[in-house]
C-alpha atoms as a PDB file:
ATOM      1  CA  MET A   1       0.000   0.000   0.000  1.00  0.00           C
ATOM      2  CA  SER A   2       1.101   3.541  -0.540  1.00  0.00           C
ATOM      3  CA  SER A   3       0.380   6.671   1.446  1.00  0.00           C
ATOM      4  CA  PRO A   4      -0.335  10.216   0.204  1.00  0.00           C
ATOM      5  CA  THR A   5       3.338  10.989   0.648  1.00  0.00           C
ATOM      6  CA  GLY A   6       4.594   7.962  -1.258  1.00  0.00           C
ATOM      7  CA  PRO A   7       4.980   4.179  -1.033  1.00  0.00           C
ATOM      8  CA  GLU A   8       5.481   2.480   2.311  1.00  0.00           C
ATOM      9  CA  SER A   9       9.026   1.905   3.499  1.00  0.00           C
ATOM     10  CA  GLY A  10      10.914  -0.893   1.805  1.00  0.00           C
ATOM     11  CA  LEU A  11       9.391  -0.358  -1.638  1.00  0.00           C
ATOM     12  CA  PRO A  12      11.532   1.115  -4.392  1.00  0.00           C
ATOM     13  CA  VAL A  13      10.587   4.505  -5.701  1.00  0.00           C
ATOM     14  CA  ARG A  14      10.595   4.925  -9.499  1.00  0.00           C
ATOM     15  CA  MET A  15      11.865   8.378 -10.281  1.00  0.00           C
ATOM     16  CA  PRO A  16      11.329  10.000 -13.686  1.00  0.00           C
ATOM     17  CA  ARG A  17      14.407   9.958 -15.883  1.00  0.00           C
ATOM     18  CA  PRO A  18      15.823  13.445 -16.371  1.00  0.00           C
ATOM     19  CA  ARG A  19      16.003  14.777 -19.908  1.00  0.00           C
ATOM     20  CA  GLN A  20      19.426  14.297 -21.349  1.00  0.00           C
ATOM     21  CA  PRO A  21      20.976  17.695 -22.040  1.00  0.00           C
ATOM     22  CA  GLY A  22      23.058  18.744 -25.010  1.00  0.00           C
ATOM     23  CA  ARG A  23      23.324  17.433 -28.528  1.00  0.00           C
ATOM     24  CA  HIS A  24      22.871  13.789 -27.496  1.00  0.00           C
ATOM     25  CA  ARG A  25      19.363  14.460 -26.243  1.00  0.00           C
ATOM     26  CA  ARG A  26      16.687  12.403 -27.940  1.00  0.00           C
ATOM     27  CA  PRO A  27      14.788  14.447 -30.533  1.00  0.00           C
ATOM     28  CA  GLU A  28      11.192  15.330 -29.837  1.00  0.00           C
ATOM     29  CA  PRO A  29       8.812  13.063 -31.793  1.00  0.00           C
ATOM     30  CA  LEU A  30       7.597  14.654 -34.997  1.00  0.00           C
ATOM     31  CA  VAL A  31       3.878  15.415 -35.235  1.00  0.00           C
ATOM     32  CA  ALA A  32       1.860  16.762 -38.120  1.00  0.00           C
ATOM     33  CA  PRO A  33       1.665  20.567 -38.086  1.00  0.00           C
ATOM     34  CA  GLU A  34      -1.684  22.086 -37.228  1.00  0.00           C
ATOM     35  CA  ASP A  35      -3.848  22.553 -40.328  1.00  0.00           C
ATOM     36  CA  ALA A  36      -1.334  20.604 -42.433  1.00  0.00           C
ATOM     37  CA  PRO A  37      -2.578  19.421 -45.831  1.00  0.00           C
ATOM     38  CA  ALA A  38      -4.028  15.940 -46.060  1.00  0.00           C
ATOM     39  CA  LEU A  39      -1.947  13.090 -47.424  1.00  0.00           C
ATOM     40  CA  VAL A  40      -4.075  11.563 -50.169  1.00  0.00           C
ATOM     41  CA  LEU A  41      -2.898   8.166 -51.376  1.00  0.00           C
ATOM     42  CA  ALA A  42      -3.782   7.792 -55.062  1.00  0.00           C
ATOM     43  CA  VAL A  43      -4.490   4.097 -55.609  1.00  0.00           C
ATOM     44  CA  PRO A  44      -4.479   2.796 -59.206  1.00  0.00           C
ATOM     45  CA  GLY A  45      -6.027  -0.370 -60.553  1.00  0.00           C
ATOM     46  CA  ALA A  46      -9.218  -2.308 -60.034  1.00  0.00           C
ATOM     47  CA  VAL A  47     -11.033  -1.552 -56.784  1.00  0.00           C
ATOM     48  CA  GLY A  48     -12.056  -4.248 -54.324  1.00  0.00           C
ATOM     49  CA  THR A  49     -11.723  -5.326 -50.730  1.00  0.00           C
ATOM     50  CA  ALA A  50      -8.154  -6.552 -51.200  1.00  0.00           C
ATOM     51  CA  THR A  51      -7.066  -3.239 -52.716  1.00  0.00           C
ATOM     52  CA  ARG A  52      -8.827  -1.291 -49.981  1.00  0.00           C
ATOM     53  CA  GLY A  53      -7.207  -3.412 -47.262  1.00  0.00           C
ATOM     54  CA  LEU A  54      -3.769  -2.845 -48.755  1.00  0.00           C
ATOM     55  CA  ALA A  55      -4.301   0.918 -49.049  1.00  0.00           C
ATOM     56  CA  GLU A  56      -5.661   1.174 -45.504  1.00  0.00           C
ATOM     57  CA  GLU A  57      -2.624  -0.651 -44.159  1.00  0.00           C
ATOM     58  CA  VAL A  58      -0.283   1.707 -46.031  1.00  0.00           C
ATOM     59  CA  VAL A  59      -1.954   4.827 -44.609  1.00  0.00           C
ATOM     60  CA  SER A  60      -2.041   3.206 -41.147  1.00  0.00           C
ATOM     61  CA  ILE A  61       1.744   2.851 -41.290  1.00  0.00           C
ATOM     62  CA  ALA A  62       2.065   6.480 -42.362  1.00  0.00           C
ATOM     63  CA  ARG A  63      -0.168   7.631 -39.473  1.00  0.00           C
ATOM     64  CA  SER A  64       1.878   5.640 -36.983  1.00  0.00           C
ATOM     65  CA  GLU A  65       5.032   7.414 -38.185  1.00  0.00           C
ATOM     66  CA  LEU A  66       3.471  10.900 -38.000  1.00  0.00           C
ATOM     67  CA  PRO A  67       0.848  11.349 -35.262  1.00  0.00           C
ATOM     68  CA  GLY A  68      -1.917  13.738 -36.200  1.00  0.00           C
ATOM     69  CA  LEU A  69      -1.576  13.010 -39.911  1.00  0.00           C
ATOM     70  CA  ASP A  70      -4.761  13.406 -41.951  1.00  0.00           C
ATOM     71  CA  ALA A  71      -4.353  10.519 -44.405  1.00  0.00           C
ATOM     72  CA  ARG A  72      -7.005   9.630 -46.973  1.00  0.00           C
ATOM     73  CA  ILE A  73      -7.415   7.206 -49.862  1.00  0.00           C
ATOM     74  CA  GLY A  74      -8.583   8.133 -53.354  1.00  0.00           C
ATOM     75  CA  TYR A  75      -9.023   5.527 -56.077  1.00  0.00           C
ATOM     76  CA  VAL A  76      -8.072   6.314 -59.658  1.00  0.00           C
ATOM     77  CA  ASP A  77     -10.851   3.957 -60.796  1.00  0.00           C
ATOM     78  CA  GLY A  78     -13.108   4.620 -57.807  1.00  0.00           C
ATOM     79  CA  ASP A  79     -16.865   4.335 -57.861  1.00  0.00           C
ATOM     80  CA  GLY A  80     -19.239   5.584 -55.174  1.00  0.00           C
ATOM     81  CA  ALA A  81     -18.899   6.066 -51.433  1.00  0.00           C
ATOM     82  CA  GLU A  82     -17.217   2.731 -50.728  1.00  0.00           C
ATOM     83  CA  PHE A  83     -14.376   3.417 -53.156  1.00  0.00           C
ATOM     84  CA  PRO A  84     -14.298   7.226 -53.562  1.00  0.00           C
ATOM     85  CA  THR A  85     -12.555   8.662 -56.573  1.00  0.00           C
ATOM     86  CA  LEU A  86      -9.411  10.706 -56.136  1.00  0.00           C
ATOM     87  CA  GLN A  87     -11.266  13.759 -57.400  1.00  0.00           C
ATOM     88  CA  ALA A  88     -14.064  13.297 -54.817  1.00  0.00           C
ATOM     89  CA  VAL A  89     -11.587  12.869 -51.949  1.00  0.00           C
ATOM     90  CA  LEU A  90      -9.770  16.080 -52.884  1.00  0.00           C
ATOM     91  CA  THR A  91     -13.022  18.020 -53.193  1.00  0.00           C
ATOM     92  CA  ARG A  92     -14.165  16.813 -49.781  1.00  0.00           C
ATOM     93  CA  ALA A  93     -10.845  17.749 -48.162  1.00  0.00           C
ATOM     94  CA  ALA A  94     -11.167  21.264 -49.577  1.00  0.00           C
ATOM     95  CA  ASP A  95     -14.776  21.598 -48.413  1.00  0.00           C
ATOM     96  CA  GLU A  96     -13.891  20.440 -44.898  1.00  0.00           C
ATOM     97  CA  ARG A  97     -11.031  22.924 -44.632  1.00  0.00           C
ATOM     98  CA  THR A  98     -13.315  25.769 -45.692  1.00  0.00           C
ATOM     99  CA  ALA A  99     -15.981  24.630 -43.214  1.00  0.00           C
ATOM    100  CA  ARG A 100     -13.481  24.611 -40.327  1.00  0.00           C
ATOM    101  CA  TYR A 101     -12.450  28.158 -41.150  1.00  0.00           C
ATOM    102  CA  GLU A 102     -16.037  29.397 -41.344  1.00  0.00           C
ATOM    103  CA  GLN A 103     -16.918  27.691 -38.055  1.00  0.00           C
ATOM    104  CA  ALA A 104     -13.964  29.351 -36.360  1.00  0.00           C
ATOM    105  CA  LEU A 105     -15.090  32.760 -37.614  1.00  0.00           C
ATOM    106  CA  ALA A 106     -18.658  32.118 -36.511  1.00  0.00           C
ATOM    107  CA  SER A 107     -17.514  31.215 -32.997  1.00  0.00           C
ATOM    108  CA  GLY A 108     -15.583  34.452 -32.706  1.00  0.00           C
ATOM    109  CA  SER A 109     -12.174  32.808 -32.759  1.00  0.00           C
ATOM    110  CA  GLU A 110      -9.254  34.361 -34.533  1.00  0.00           C
ATOM    111  CA  ALA A 111      -8.650  32.267 -37.608  1.00  0.00           C
ATOM    112  CA  LYS A 112      -6.232  32.576 -40.456  1.00  0.00           C
ATOM    113  CA  GLU A 113      -7.755  32.230 -43.874  1.00  0.00           C
ATOM    114  CA  PRO A 114      -6.629  28.879 -45.359  1.00  0.00           C
ATOM    115  CA  ASP A 115      -3.878  29.056 -47.932  1.00  0.00           C
ATOM    116  CA  GLY A 116      -1.428  26.662 -49.480  1.00  0.00           C
ATOM    117  CA  PRO A 117      -2.258  23.180 -50.774  1.00  0.00           C
ATOM    118  CA  VAL A 118      -5.302  21.353 -49.464  1.00  0.00           C
ATOM    119  CA  ALA A 119      -3.588  18.004 -50.005  1.00  0.00           C
ATOM    120  CA  VAL A 120      -0.415  16.279 -51.058  1.00  0.00           C
ATOM    121  CA  VAL A 121      -1.236  13.464 -53.484  1.00  0.00           C
ATOM    122  CA  VAL A 122       1.118  10.464 -53.361  1.00  0.00           C
ATOM    123  CA  PRO A 123       0.718   7.860 -56.144  1.00  0.00           C
ATOM    124  CA  LEU A 124       0.843   4.285 -54.847  1.00  0.00           C
ATOM    125  CA  LEU A 125       3.387   3.233 -57.464  1.00  0.00           C
ATOM    126  CA  ALA A 126       6.868   1.803 -57.034  1.00  0.00           C
ATOM    127  CA  GLY A 127       8.043   3.101 -60.402  1.00  0.00           C
ATOM    128  CA  PRO A 128       6.970   5.562 -63.106  1.00  0.00           C
ATOM    129  CA  ASP A 129       3.965   4.607 -65.214  1.00  0.00           C
ATOM    130  CA  ASN A 130       3.154   7.577 -67.429  1.00  0.00           C
ATOM    131  CA  ALA A 131      -0.305   6.317 -68.364  1.00  0.00           C
ATOM    132  CA  LEU A 132      -1.380   5.988 -64.738  1.00  0.00           C
ATOM    133  CA  LEU A 133       0.351   9.177 -63.635  1.00  0.00           C
ATOM    134  CA  ARG A 134      -1.416  11.070 -66.415  1.00  0.00           C
ATOM    135  CA  ARG A 135      -4.762   9.906 -65.036  1.00  0.00           C
ATOM    136  CA  VAL A 136      -3.786  10.921 -61.495  1.00  0.00           C
ATOM    137  CA  ARG A 137      -2.722  14.350 -62.730  1.00  0.00           C
ATOM    138  CA  GLN A 138      -5.970  14.719 -64.668  1.00  0.00           C
ATOM    139  CA  ALA A 139      -8.046  13.879 -61.575  1.00  0.00           C
ATOM    140  CA  VAL A 140      -6.183  16.503 -59.556  1.00  0.00           C
ATOM    141  CA  MET A 141      -6.775  19.120 -62.249  1.00  0.00           C
ATOM    142  CA  GLU A 142     -10.461  18.290 -62.602  1.00  0.00           C
ATOM    143  CA  SER A 143     -10.996  18.578 -58.848  1.00  0.00           C
ATOM    144  CA  ARG A 144      -9.993  22.279 -59.082  1.00  0.00           C
ATOM    145  CA  VAL A 145      -8.371  21.838 -55.668  1.00  0.00           C
ATOM    146  CA  ALA A 146      -4.948  23.228 -54.795  1.00  0.00           C
ATOM    147  CA  ALA A 147      -2.957  20.029 -54.358  1.00  0.00           C
ATOM    148  CA  ASP A 148       0.667  19.013 -54.758  1.00  0.00           C
ATOM    149  CA  LEU A 149       1.432  15.809 -56.667  1.00  0.00           C
ATOM    150  CA  THR A 150       4.579  13.930 -55.657  1.00  0.00           C
ATOM    151  CA  GLY A 151       6.667  11.480 -57.613  1.00  0.00           C
ATOM    152  CA  VAL A 152       6.453   7.695 -57.291  1.00  0.00           C
ATOM    153  CA  LEU A 153       7.973   5.798 -54.356  1.00  0.00           C
ATOM    154  CA  GLY A 154      11.100   4.437 -56.038  1.00  0.00           C
ATOM    155  CA  PRO A 155      13.824   3.818 -56.696  1.00  0.00           C
ATOM    156  CA  HIS A 156      14.934   3.453 -53.074  1.00  0.00           C
ATOM    157  CA  PRO A 157      17.023   1.024 -50.954  1.00  0.00           C
ATOM    158  CA  LEU A 158      13.943   0.188 -48.889  1.00  0.00           C
ATOM    159  CA  LEU A 159      12.270  -1.188 -51.995  1.00  0.00           C
ATOM    160  CA  ALA A 160      15.272  -3.465 -52.558  1.00  0.00           C
ATOM    161  CA  GLU A 161      14.797  -4.655 -48.971  1.00  0.00           C
ATOM    162  CA  ALA A 162      11.100  -5.291 -49.626  1.00  0.00           C
ATOM    163  CA  LEU A 163      11.887  -7.280 -52.783  1.00  0.00           C
ATOM    164  CA  HIS A 164      14.424  -9.343 -50.827  1.00  0.00           C
ATOM    165  CA  VAL A 165      11.829 -10.115 -48.157  1.00  0.00           C
ATOM    166  CA  ARG A 166       9.193 -11.153 -50.704  1.00  0.00           C
ATOM    167  CA  LEU A 167      11.689 -13.460 -52.438  1.00  0.00           C
ATOM    168  CA  SER A 168      12.726 -15.020 -49.137  1.00  0.00           C
ATOM    169  CA  GLU A 169       9.068 -15.532 -48.147  1.00  0.00           C
ATOM    170  CA  ALA A 170       8.607 -17.495 -51.376  1.00  0.00           C
ATOM    171  CA  GLY A 171      11.704 -19.587 -50.637  1.00  0.00           C
ATOM    172  CA  LEU A 172      13.557 -18.038 -53.572  1.00  0.00           C
ATOM    173  CA  ALA A 173      16.312 -16.240 -51.648  1.00  0.00           C
ATOM    174  CA  ARG A 174      18.150 -16.480 -48.363  1.00  0.00           C
ATOM    175  CA  ALA A 175      16.599 -14.305 -45.703  1.00  0.00           C
ATOM    176  CA  ASP A 176      20.079 -13.109 -44.715  1.00  0.00           C
ATOM    177  CA  ARG A 177      23.205 -13.673 -46.775  1.00  0.00           C
ATOM    178  CA  ALA A 178      25.361 -13.482 -43.635  1.00  0.00           C
ATOM    179  CA  ARG A 179      23.746 -16.584 -42.136  1.00  0.00           C
ATOM    180  CA  LEU A 180      25.400 -19.826 -43.139  1.00  0.00           C
ATOM    181  CA  PHE A 181      22.512 -21.958 -44.315  1.00  0.00           C
ATOM    182  CA  THR A 182      21.302 -23.088 -47.713  1.00  0.00           C
ATOM    183  CA  VAL A 183      18.004 -22.448 -49.431  1.00  0.00           C
ATOM    184  CA  THR A 184      17.827 -25.261 -51.967  1.00  0.00           C
ATOM    185  CA  THR A 185      15.231 -23.424 -54.051  1.00  0.00           C
ATOM    186  CA  ALA A 186      17.102 -20.099 -54.027  1.00  0.00           C
ATOM    187  CA  ALA A 187      17.212 -18.402 -57.413  1.00  0.00           C
ATOM    188  CA  ASP A 188      20.550 -17.647 -59.046  1.00  0.00           C
ATOM    189  CA  GLY A 189      19.051 -14.979 -61.311  1.00  0.00           C
ATOM    190  CA  ILE A 190      16.220 -12.495 -60.782  1.00  0.00           C
ATOM    191  CA  VAL A 191      13.890 -10.949 -63.370  1.00  0.00           C
ATOM    192  CA  LEU A 192      12.591  -7.692 -61.932  1.00  0.00           C
ATOM    193  CA  ALA A 193       9.139  -7.109 -63.454  1.00  0.00           C
ATOM    194  CA  SER A 194       7.858  -3.541 -63.855  1.00  0.00           C
ATOM    195  CA  VAL A 195       5.090  -1.752 -65.743  1.00  0.00           C
ATOM    196  CA  GLY A 196       5.326   1.586 -67.507  1.00  0.00           C
ATOM    197  CA  GLY A 197       7.606   0.979 -70.474  1.00  0.00           C
ATOM    198  CA  ASP A 198      11.283   1.821 -70.890  1.00  0.00           C
ATOM    199  CA  GLU A 199      11.335   4.561 -68.237  1.00  0.00           C
ATOM    200  CA  ALA A 200       9.939   2.148 -65.666  1.00  0.00           C
ATOM    201  CA  VAL A 201      12.487  -0.522 -66.629  1.00  0.00           C
ATOM    202  CA  GLN A 202      15.353   1.946 -66.187  1.00  0.00           C
ATOM    203  CA  ALA A 203      14.053   3.040 -62.767  1.00  0.00           C
ATOM    204  CA  ALA A 204      13.535  -0.580 -61.700  1.00  0.00           C
ATOM    205  CA  GLY A 205      17.097  -1.322 -62.793  1.00  0.00           C
ATOM    206  CA  ILE A 206      18.438   1.080 -60.152  1.00  0.00           C
ATOM    207  CA  THR A 207      16.629  -0.778 -57.383  1.00  0.00           C
ATOM    208  CA  GLY A 208      17.675  -4.000 -59.105  1.00  0.00           C
ATOM    209  CA  MET A 209      21.358  -3.143 -58.616  1.00  0.00           C
ATOM    210  CA  LEU A 210      20.699  -2.705 -54.890  1.00  0.00           C
ATOM    211  CA  LEU A 211      18.882  -6.044 -54.797  1.00  0.00           C
ATOM    212  CA  ALA A 212      21.758  -7.736 -56.646  1.00  0.00           C
ATOM    213  CA  ALA A 213      24.157  -6.434 -53.984  1.00  0.00           C
ATOM    214  CA  ARG A 214      21.964  -7.935 -51.258  1.00  0.00           C
ATOM    215  CA  LEU A 215      21.595 -11.350 -52.919  1.00  0.00           C
ATOM    216  CA  ALA A 216      24.928 -11.620 -54.763  1.00  0.00           C
ATOM    217  CA  VAL A 217      23.081 -12.841 -57.894  1.00  0.00           C
ATOM    218  CA  PRO A 218      22.392 -11.062 -61.208  1.00  0.00           C
ATOM    219  CA  VAL A 219      19.195  -9.017 -61.408  1.00  0.00           C
ATOM    220  CA  MET A 220      17.759  -7.652 -64.657  1.00  0.00           C
ATOM    221  CA  ALA A 221      14.645  -5.516 -65.109  1.00  0.00           C
ATOM    222  CA  ALA A 222      11.980  -6.169 -67.737  1.00  0.00           C
ATOM    223  CA  ALA A 223       8.585  -4.769 -68.704  1.00  0.00           C
ATOM    224  CA  LEU A 224       5.435  -6.766 -68.036  1.00  0.00           C
ATOM    225  CA  ASP A 225       3.535  -4.558 -70.450  1.00  0.00           C
ATOM    226  CA  ALA A 226       5.902  -5.177 -73.383  1.00  0.00           C
ATOM    227  CA  ASP A 227       5.379  -8.392 -75.335  1.00  0.00           C
ATOM    228  CA  GLY A 228       8.238 -10.854 -74.869  1.00  0.00           C
ATOM    229  CA  SER A 229      10.263  -8.596 -72.548  1.00  0.00           C
ATOM    230  CA  ILE A 230      10.151 -10.947 -69.539  1.00  0.00           C
ATOM    231  CA  ALA A 231      11.007 -14.014 -71.618  1.00  0.00           C
ATOM    232  CA  SER A 232      13.833 -12.171 -73.397  1.00  0.00           C
ATOM    233  CA  VAL A 233      15.462 -11.067 -70.152  1.00  0.00           C
ATOM    234  CA  ALA A 234      15.057 -14.567 -68.713  1.00  0.00           C
ATOM    235  CA  GLU A 235      16.891 -15.960 -71.734  1.00  0.00           C
ATOM    236  CA  GLN A 236      19.713 -13.438 -71.254  1.00  0.00           C
ATOM    237  CA  LEU A 237      20.133 -14.550 -67.638  1.00  0.00           C
ATOM    238  CA  ARG A 238      20.175 -18.218 -68.628  1.00  0.00           C
ATOM    239  CA  SER A 239      22.711 -17.615 -71.395  1.00  0.00           C
ATOM    240  CA  SER A 240      24.993 -15.964 -68.839  1.00  0.00           C
ATOM    241  CA  GLY A 241      24.883 -18.993 -66.538  1.00  0.00           C
ATOM    242  CA  SER A 242      21.813 -18.642 -64.321  1.00  0.00           C
ATOM    243  CA  GLN A 243      19.746 -21.820 -64.124  1.00  0.00           C
ATOM    244  CA  HIS A 244      17.118 -21.197 -61.454  1.00  0.00           C
ATOM    245  CA  LEU A 245      15.292 -17.942 -62.156  1.00  0.00           C
ATOM    246  CA  ALA A 246      12.732 -16.042 -60.110  1.00  0.00           C
ATOM    247  CA  LEU A 247      10.331 -13.285 -61.103  1.00  0.00           C
ATOM    248  CA  ALA A 248      10.257 -10.434 -58.556  1.00  0.00           C
ATOM    249  CA  PRO A 249       7.359  -7.995 -59.162  1.00  0.00           C
ATOM    250  CA  TYR A 250       8.558  -4.395 -58.773  1.00  0.00           C
ATOM    251  CA  LEU A 251       4.924  -3.539 -58.119  1.00  0.00           C
ATOM    252  CA  ILE A 252       2.737  -2.664 -55.148  1.00  0.00           C
ATOM    253  CA  GLY A 253      -0.031  -4.890 -56.495  1.00  0.00           C
ATOM    254  CA  PRO A 254      -3.256  -3.093 -57.442  1.00  0.00           C
ATOM    255  CA  GLU A 255      -1.742  -1.511 -60.552  1.00  0.00           C
ATOM    256  CA  ILE A 256      -1.359  -4.828 -62.396  1.00  0.00           C
ATOM    257  CA  ASP A 257      -3.677  -7.642 -63.466  1.00  0.00           C
ATOM    258  CA  PRO A 258      -2.514 -10.771 -61.557  1.00  0.00           C
ATOM    259  CA  ASP A 259      -3.176 -12.871 -64.664  1.00  0.00           C
ATOM    260  CA  LEU A 260      -0.585 -10.862 -66.591  1.00  0.00           C
ATOM    261  CA  LEU A 261       2.012 -11.584 -63.917  1.00  0.00           C
ATOM    262  CA  ALA A 262       1.218 -15.304 -63.908  1.00  0.00           C
ATOM    263  CA  ALA A 263       1.342 -15.481 -67.705  1.00  0.00           C
ATOM    264  CA  ALA A 264       4.737 -13.764 -67.814  1.00  0.00           C
ATOM    265  CA  ALA A 265       6.159 -16.156 -65.213  1.00  0.00           C
ATOM    266  CA  ALA A 266       4.861 -19.142 -67.174  1.00  0.00           C
ATOM    267  CA  GLU A 267       6.324 -17.786 -70.422  1.00  0.00           C
ATOM    268  CA  ALA A 268       9.714 -17.292 -68.786  1.00  0.00           C
ATOM    269  CA  ASP A 269       9.425 -20.636 -66.937  1.00  0.00           C
ATOM    270  CA  CYS A 270      10.349 -19.230 -63.532  1.00  0.00           C
ATOM    271  CA  ALA A 271       8.910 -19.101 -60.039  1.00  0.00           C
ATOM    272  CA  THR A 272       7.285 -15.889 -58.781  1.00  0.00           C
ATOM    273  CA  ALA A 273       7.396 -13.908 -55.566  1.00  0.00           C
ATOM    274  CA  GLU A 274       4.462 -11.846 -54.316  1.00  0.00           C
ATOM    275  CA  PRO A 275       4.178  -8.115 -55.149  1.00  0.00           C
ATOM    276  CA  LEU A 276       5.460  -5.635 -52.572  1.00  0.00           C
ATOM    277  CA  GLY A 277       1.994  -5.057 -51.124  1.00  0.00           C
ATOM    278  CA  ALA A 278       1.725  -3.286 -47.778  1.00  0.00           C
ATOM    279  CA  TYR A 279       5.315  -3.958 -46.724  1.00  0.00           C
ATOM    280  CA  PRO A 280       6.124  -1.385 -43.985  1.00  0.00           C
ATOM    281  CA  ALA A 281       8.582   0.455 -46.221  1.00  0.00           C
ATOM    282  CA  ILE A 282       5.731   1.376 -48.582  1.00  0.00           C
ATOM    283  CA  GLY A 283       3.943   3.395 -45.898  1.00  0.00           C
ATOM    284  CA  LYS A 284       7.196   5.019 -44.801  1.00  0.00           C
ATOM    285  CA  LEU A 285       8.095   6.021 -48.345  1.00  0.00           C
ATOM    286  CA  ALA A 286       4.613   7.433 -48.968  1.00  0.00           C
ATOM    287  CA  LEU A 287       4.990   9.532 -45.813  1.00  0.00           C
ATOM    288  CA  ALA A 288       8.480  10.625 -46.894  1.00  0.00           C
ATOM    289  CA  LYS A 289       7.048  11.951 -50.161  1.00  0.00           C
ATOM    290  CA  TYR A 290       4.473  13.913 -48.166  1.00  0.00           C
ATOM    291  CA  THR A 291       6.870  15.384 -45.616  1.00  0.00           C
ATOM    292  CA  THR A 292       9.405  16.263 -48.305  1.00  0.00           C
ATOM    293  CA  ALA A 293       6.717  18.162 -50.222  1.00  0.00           C
ATOM    294  CA  LEU A 294       5.937  20.149 -47.067  1.00  0.00           C
ATOM    295  CA  GLY A 295       9.546  20.508 -45.916  1.00  0.00           C
ATOM    296  CA  ILE A 296       8.781  19.231 -42.412  1.00  0.00           C
ATOM    297  CA  ALA A 297      11.075  16.194 -42.169  1.00  0.00           C
ATOM    298  CA  PRO A 298      14.161  14.532 -43.648  1.00  0.00           C
ATOM    299  CA  GLN A 299      13.654  13.897 -47.329  1.00  0.00           C
ATOM    300  CA  GLN A 300      13.735  10.108 -47.215  1.00  0.00           C
ATOM    301  CA  PRO A 301      13.587   7.363 -44.578  1.00  0.00           C
ATOM    302  CA  GLN A 302      16.954   5.751 -44.014  1.00  0.00           C
ATOM    303  CA  GLY A 303      17.453   2.609 -46.061  1.00  0.00           C
ATOM    304  CA  ALA A 304      18.606  -0.632 -44.513  1.00  0.00           C
ATOM    305  CA  GLN A 305      22.081  -1.737 -45.433  1.00  0.00           C
ATOM    306  CA  ALA A 306      22.535  -4.700 -47.742  1.00  0.00           C
ATOM    307  CA  ARG A 307      22.790  -7.983 -45.915  1.00  0.00           C
END
């Protein structure tokens, strides 16, 4: 039992730890600025419960990294209240900001008239896909809302980490090269599958070099949306000595028809890992695009070192 003056004798007293002075003091946790623009995740591809679950997990990760963040989801091919379009989400964010300002004035509070962007739109894409990005840009323009549009999430070392994890989950790569054990099904050549044409292949190739450093096997990028590209790259890897190939989708998931991925893997005669999905790095990179646009945090999350 404890008394009003403290615990009874014999019990230890837990004292609060003093703040560490000087430059080694822990930084204060970052929170979203008051009245900061919303982060609107622009989700491409067919809508459905799986896509919604993935998008919700990505924004949940972003919220956990930045308390107070207003994060929303807009679907490029949205339809109705369950899957709101990107344009509708932006319009609603603008209306809500105006309503908050008018309510503050009506209550007699001093309020600054809203200015600056209503939202920062982050495309849920690992690499550039001009066709999809054009549609995102068009939705932003048609909303007539002041919004900033960021670039795609990659290339980035964290995406190489995510690819490594997906390959290891499929039994196609060692989880950690430093550990001395053998994965009998490990691939000795990786086809990195992207969508978006030549520009997307070049961007995927940068992340591919980081993945090759992690796995110590050759990695080559190819385009899922170009006839014969996957099979051609697979043949190049085999002609250079690789025998057991794996297809690693450089994709979040919703932006591609799963049947196209399966057909490409069958044509190239290689096993396939899962798309990147809601791997934690995806949420962190989406948040990094947002905070960089606002200038409120370091430009990019720190990438893990190759293992």
